[in-house]
Amino acid sequence: MPSDEAFRQQVISVANDLFPEATIEPHPDSVELLVVDGHQVSLQNIWANHRLSDAPDDDLEALVKHHLGQILGKQLPSIEDVELEDVREKLFPQIMPVEYATSAPLPLIHFPLSTHVSVGLVADFPETYMYLRNLELQRWDIAADDLHALALSNLEKESQSMALQSAGEGRNQFIAIASGDGYDAARILVPSIQAFLAAHLGETFRFAIPNRDFLITWRLDCDDHFHEQLAAQIANDSHERPYPLSSSIFVRNSEGNIHEQSNGG
């Protein structure tokens, strides 16, 4: 994301022209967010696709129209009107930047994964995600760990027929998931996927989640040059692709615990 206000103001200007009836304001606590008719909206996807465009100035209007139109063009359900039974089978874990979880107007349920990313919980409707807040724990009289377990169980069911991409050979084999459904990074949390990866890569293996829609895993004992090539690509993807998460390398050990390393570590 840009470090100044210029890009956000450009988006607001375009959005006001496209949606004159909407209330579109900068989020008071984060340059990466807008408040659109009361909904907190991240600019990460617009920014990342804008950077990837061959004609960014020409494409910005289309990006804003598509991204905000999904929110403004439909009558979205309100989280305040939703009960647990309404979303029990729609709950999923989603990895998000820590600042997204902590800058929300009302605190979101989240579980730290590293210094830069957390695991949040979302209710997945066709029109939108609803990020669950700590307030839902009180309204629904349920513990955060129990909601997390329910969300993880749902993701495991959704992942049973998931296609995993494998390439390389020997010590330089890697396995990736890139379905694009919004939960690829979070699939590193799924026990059956961890077990599959451990069986093919060793009980202790490395992985990275440069963006929300990509998980890549590889062997701990790979060649140094192979590791360096992956680390460089991961760092690039975490800055260039939509929904960026982390440039870090992670290690999942034989006990199933996850540890963060610096990029290239």
Protein backbone atom coordinates (compact mmCIF):
# COMPACT_ATOMS: atom_id res chain seq x y z
CA MET A 1 0.00 0.00 0.00
CA PRO A 2 1.16 3.57 -0.56
CA SER A 3 2.61 5.35 2.44
CA ASP A 4 0.69 8.60 1.88
CA GLU A 5 -2.88 9.71 1.41
CA ALA A 6 -2.69 10.41 -2.32
CA PHE A 7 -3.93 7.07 -3.63
CA ARG A 8 -6.81 6.88 -1.16
CA GLN A 9 -7.95 10.37 -2.09
CA GLN A 10 -7.80 9.40 -5.76
CA VAL A 11 -10.00 6.37 -5.05
CA ILE A 12 -12.45 8.50 -3.05
CA SER A 13 -12.68 11.01 -5.89
CA VAL A 14 -13.40 8.28 -8.46
CA ALA A 15 -15.86 6.56 -6.11
CA ASN A 16 -17.79 9.77 -5.44
CA ASP A 17 -18.25 10.25 -9.18
CA LEU A 18 -19.38 6.65 -9.65
CA PHE A 19 -21.60 6.41 -6.56
CA PRO A 20 -22.86 9.93 -5.76
CA GLU A 21 -25.56 8.62 -3.38
CA ALA A 22 -23.08 6.75 -1.20
CA THR A 23 -21.21 8.06 1.81
CA ILE A 24 -17.52 7.36 1.21
CA GLU A 25 -15.03 8.54 3.83
CA PRO A 26 -11.42 7.85 4.81
CA HIS A 27 -11.03 5.58 7.80
CA PRO A 28 -9.76 7.72 10.69
CA ASP A 29 -7.16 5.20 11.88
CA SER A 30 -5.69 3.61 8.75
CA VAL A 31 -4.68 4.95 5.34
CA GLU A 32 -5.43 1.49 3.92
CA LEU A 33 -9.16 1.66 4.67
CA LEU A 34 -12.33 3.44 3.60
CA VAL A 35 -15.69 3.60 5.34
CA VAL A 36 -18.37 3.05 2.69
CA ASP A 37 -21.95 3.49 3.92
CA GLY A 38 -20.78 2.30 7.31
CA HIS A 39 -18.84 -0.73 5.99
CA GLN A 40 -15.08 -0.88 6.54
CA VAL A 41 -13.45 -1.50 3.14
CA SER A 42 -9.82 -2.38 2.50
CA LEU A 43 -7.99 -0.71 -0.39
CA GLN A 44 -5.44 -3.53 -0.67
CA ASN A 45 -7.08 -5.29 -3.60
CA ILE A 46 -7.65 -2.07 -5.57
CA TRP A 47 -4.06 -0.97 -4.93
CA ALA A 48 -2.50 -4.32 -5.85
CA ASN A 49 -4.48 -4.65 -9.10
CA HIS A 50 -3.75 -1.00 -9.91
CA ARG A 51 -0.02 -1.69 -9.63
CA LEU A 52 -0.30 -4.77 -11.84
CA SER A 53 -2.23 -2.95 -14.56
CA ASP A 54 -0.62 -2.01 -17.87
CA ALA A 55 -2.76 1.15 -17.90
CA PRO A 56 -3.30 2.00 -14.23
CA ASP A 57 -4.88 5.41 -14.76
CA ASP A 58 -7.40 4.06 -17.25
CA ASP A 59 -8.18 0.99 -15.16
CA LEU A 60 -8.67 2.67 -11.78
CA GLU A 61 -12.29 3.58 -12.52
CA ALA A 62 -13.08 -0.01 -13.49
CA LEU A 63 -11.36 -1.34 -10.37
CA VAL A 64 -13.25 1.02 -8.07
CA LYS A 65 -16.55 0.31 -9.83
CA HIS A 66 -16.08 -3.44 -9.51
CA HIS A 67 -14.79 -3.47 -5.94
CA LEU A 68 -17.15 -0.95 -4.36
CA GLY A 69 -20.04 -1.92 -6.61
CA GLN A 70 -20.14 -5.32 -4.95
CA ILE A 71 -20.76 -3.56 -1.65
CA LEU A 72 -23.02 -0.73 -2.78
CA GLY A 73 -24.95 -2.56 -5.47
CA LYS A 74 -26.60 -5.08 -3.16
CA GLN A 75 -28.52 -5.07 0.09
CA LEU A 76 -25.94 -6.60 2.38
CA PRO A 77 -26.91 -8.45 5.54
CA SER A 78 -25.99 -6.70 8.77
CA ILE A 79 -23.87 -8.56 11.29
CA GLU A 80 -26.08 -7.22 14.08
CA ASP A 81 -29.04 -9.14 12.63
CA VAL A 82 -27.22 -12.44 12.18
CA GLU A 83 -27.37 -15.24 14.75
CA LEU A 84 -24.96 -18.15 15.14
CA GLU A 85 -27.36 -20.65 13.62
CA ASP A 86 -27.60 -18.45 10.52
CA VAL A 87 -23.86 -18.71 9.88
CA ARG A 88 -22.77 -21.96 11.53
CA GLU A 89 -21.93 -23.56 8.17
CA LYS A 90 -20.64 -20.29 6.66
CA LEU A 91 -17.85 -19.65 9.17
CA PHE A 92 -14.24 -19.87 7.97
CA PRO A 93 -10.83 -18.79 9.24
CA GLN A 94 -9.13 -16.13 7.17
CA ILE A 95 -5.60 -14.82 7.59
CA MET A 96 -5.39 -11.04 7.61
CA PRO A 97 -2.85 -8.32 8.38
CA VAL A 98 -2.68 -7.55 12.09
CA GLU A 99 -3.42 -3.88 11.45
CA TYR A 100 -6.69 -4.79 9.73
CA ALA A 101 -7.88 -6.69 12.79
CA THR A 102 -6.75 -4.07 15.28
CA SER A 103 -7.93 -0.97 13.39
CA ALA A 104 -11.54 -2.08 13.00
CA PRO A 105 -14.10 0.27 14.61
CA LEU A 106 -15.09 -2.61 16.92
CA PRO A 107 -12.38 -5.17 17.82
CA LEU A 108 -12.39 -8.25 15.60
CA ILE A 109 -11.94 -11.78 16.86
CA HIS A 110 -8.41 -12.70 15.90
CA PHE A 111 -5.64 -15.11 16.87
CA PRO A 112 -2.02 -13.98 16.33
CA LEU A 113 -0.07 -16.11 13.86
CA SER A 114 3.01 -13.90 13.56
CA THR A 115 4.11 -10.31 14.13
CA HIS A 116 2.33 -9.21 10.96
CA VAL A 117 -0.64 -11.51 10.43
CA SER A 118 -3.51 -12.87 12.48
CA VAL A 119 -6.22 -15.47 11.94
CA GLY A 120 -9.64 -13.85 11.84
CA LEU A 121 -13.07 -15.45 11.53
CA VAL A 122 -15.51 -14.59 8.75
CA ALA A 123 -19.08 -15.44 7.85
CA ASP A 124 -18.99 -16.02 4.09
CA PHE A 125 -22.08 -14.78 2.25
CA PRO A 126 -22.31 -14.64 -1.57
CA GLU A 127 -22.20 -10.84 -1.53
CA THR A 128 -19.64 -10.19 1.19
CA TYR A 129 -17.55 -11.41 4.09
CA MET A 130 -18.65 -10.52 7.59
CA TYR A 131 -15.70 -10.27 9.94
CA LEU A 132 -16.74 -11.51 13.36
CA ARG A 133 -16.19 -9.13 16.25
CA ASN A 134 -15.62 -9.78 19.93
CA LEU A 135 -19.17 -8.52 20.35
CA GLU A 136 -20.47 -11.69 18.66
CA LEU A 137 -18.93 -13.80 21.43
CA GLN A 138 -21.18 -12.05 23.91
CA ARG A 139 -24.26 -12.02 21.67
CA TRP A 140 -23.93 -15.71 20.83
CA ASP A 141 -22.63 -16.80 24.26
CA ILE A 142 -19.73 -18.76 22.78
CA ALA A 143 -15.96 -18.86 23.34
CA ALA A 144 -13.58 -17.62 20.65
CA ASP A 145 -11.77 -20.99 20.58
CA ASP A 146 -15.05 -22.80 19.93
CA LEU A 147 -15.86 -20.50 17.00
CA HIS A 148 -12.33 -21.02 15.66
CA ALA A 149 -12.76 -24.80 15.86
CA LEU A 150 -16.07 -24.59 14.02
CA ALA A 151 -14.59 -22.38 11.29
CA LEU A 152 -11.59 -24.71 10.87
CA SER A 153 -13.88 -27.73 10.61
CA ASN A 154 -15.83 -26.00 7.84
CA LEU A 155 -12.64 -25.20 5.94
CA GLU A 156 -11.47 -28.80 6.27
CA LYS A 157 -14.73 -30.00 4.71
CA GLU A 158 -14.38 -27.47 1.89
CA SER A 159 -10.80 -28.63 1.26
CA GLN A 160 -11.43 -32.36 0.91
CA SER A 161 -11.26 -32.30 -2.89
CA MET A 162 -8.72 -29.47 -3.05
CA ALA A 163 -6.15 -29.69 -5.84
CA LEU A 164 -2.58 -29.29 -4.63
CA GLN A 165 0.11 -28.35 -7.11
CA SER A 166 3.41 -30.21 -6.75
CA ALA A 167 6.60 -29.47 -8.65
CA GLY A 168 10.32 -30.03 -8.36
CA GLU A 169 11.86 -33.25 -7.14
CA GLY A 170 13.88 -34.67 -4.29
CA ARG A 171 14.93 -32.11 -1.73
CA ASN A 172 13.67 -29.30 -3.95
CA GLN A 173 10.07 -30.41 -4.17
CA PHE A 174 7.39 -27.88 -3.31
CA ILE A 175 3.62 -28.09 -2.95
CA ALA A 176 1.29 -25.11 -3.42
CA ILE A 177 -2.40 -24.27 -3.15
CA ALA A 178 -3.88 -21.47 -5.24
CA SER A 179 -7.61 -22.07 -5.65
CA GLY A 180 -8.43 -18.36 -5.36
CA ASP A 181 -11.42 -18.84 -3.04
CA GLY A 182 -10.03 -16.51 -0.36
CA TYR A 183 -8.89 -19.25 2.04
CA ASP A 184 -5.72 -20.69 0.49
CA ALA A 185 -3.35 -19.14 3.02
CA ALA A 186 -5.61 -20.27 5.88
CA ARG A 187 -5.43 -23.88 4.67
CA ILE A 188 -2.07 -24.23 6.41
CA LEU A 189 -4.15 -24.44 9.59
CA VAL A 190 -6.16 -27.47 8.42
CA PRO A 191 -4.95 -30.64 10.22
CA SER A 192 -5.50 -33.01 7.27
CA ILE A 193 -3.59 -30.69 4.92
CA GLN A 194 -0.75 -30.40 7.44
CA ALA A 195 -0.65 -34.21 7.65
CA PHE A 196 -0.54 -34.53 3.84
CA LEU A 197 2.27 -31.99 3.59
CA ALA A 198 4.23 -33.63 6.40
CA ALA A 199 3.96 -37.02 4.65
CA HIS A 200 5.44 -35.57 1.45
CA LEU A 201 7.84 -32.91 2.75
CA GLY A 202 8.88 -34.23 6.15
CA GLU A 203 7.34 -33.69 9.57
CA THR A 204 9.06 -30.29 9.80
CA PHE A 205 8.67 -28.17 6.68
CA ARG A 206 8.72 -24.57 5.51
CA PHE A 207 5.81 -22.56 4.14
CA ALA A 208 4.90 -19.04 3.11
CA ILE A 209 1.67 -17.06 2.73
CA PRO A 210 2.63 -14.02 0.62
CA ASN A 211 -1.02 -13.27 -0.09
CA ARG A 212 -4.46 -14.47 0.92
CA ASP A 213 -4.88 -16.66 -2.18
CA PHE A 214 -1.59 -18.55 -2.14
CA LEU A 215 0.10 -21.11 0.09
CA ILE A 216 3.47 -22.58 -0.81
CA THR A 217 5.31 -25.27 1.16
CA TRP A 218 8.71 -26.92 0.76
CA ARG A 219 11.26 -29.12 2.50
CA LEU A 220 13.39 -27.94 5.39
CA ASP A 221 16.49 -29.62 3.90
CA CYS A 222 16.18 -28.08 0.42
CA ASP A 223 19.21 -26.66 -1.40
CA ASP A 224 20.21 -23.16 -0.31
CA HIS A 225 19.84 -21.68 -3.80
CA PHE A 226 16.35 -23.15 -4.13
CA HIS A 227 15.34 -21.64 -0.80
CA GLU A 228 16.77 -18.26 -1.78
CA GLN A 229 14.88 -18.26 -5.08
CA LEU A 230 11.61 -19.02 -3.31
CA ALA A 231 12.24 -16.38 -0.65
CA ALA A 232 12.85 -13.73 -3.31
CA GLN A 233 9.66 -14.64 -5.17
CA ILE A 234 7.66 -14.67 -1.93
CA ALA A 235 8.92 -11.21 -1.03
CA ASN A 236 7.92 -9.94 -4.47
CA ASP A 237 4.46 -11.54 -4.34
CA SER A 238 3.77 -10.09 -0.89
CA HIS A 239 4.18 -6.59 -2.36
CA GLU A 240 2.74 -7.05 -5.85
CA ARG A 241 -0.23 -9.41 -5.59
CA PRO A 242 -3.75 -8.63 -4.32
CA TYR A 243 -4.52 -9.19 -0.64
CA PRO A 244 -0.88 -9.21 0.54
CA LEU A 245 -0.03 -10.88 3.85
CA SER A 246 3.60 -11.60 4.70
CA SER A 247 7.04 -11.89 3.14
CA SER A 248 8.20 -14.11 6.02
CA ILE A 249 9.16 -17.76 5.86
CA PHE A 250 7.41 -19.98 8.41
CA VAL A 251 8.31 -23.40 9.80
CA ARG A 252 5.77 -25.97 10.87
CA ASN A 253 7.42 -28.46 13.22
CA SER A 254 6.66 -32.10 14.02
CA GLU A 255 4.36 -31.07 16.89
CA GLY A 256 2.26 -28.97 14.52
CA ASN A 257 3.50 -25.65 15.94
CA ILE A 258 4.18 -22.72 13.60
CA HIS A 259 7.19 -20.43 13.94
CA GLU A 260 8.00 -17.32 11.91
CA GLN A 261 11.42 -16.69 10.38
CA SER A 262 12.66 -13.57 8.64
CA ASN A 263 12.56 -13.69 4.86
CA GLY A 264 15.29 -15.98 3.62
CA GLY A 265 15.86 -17.38 7.11
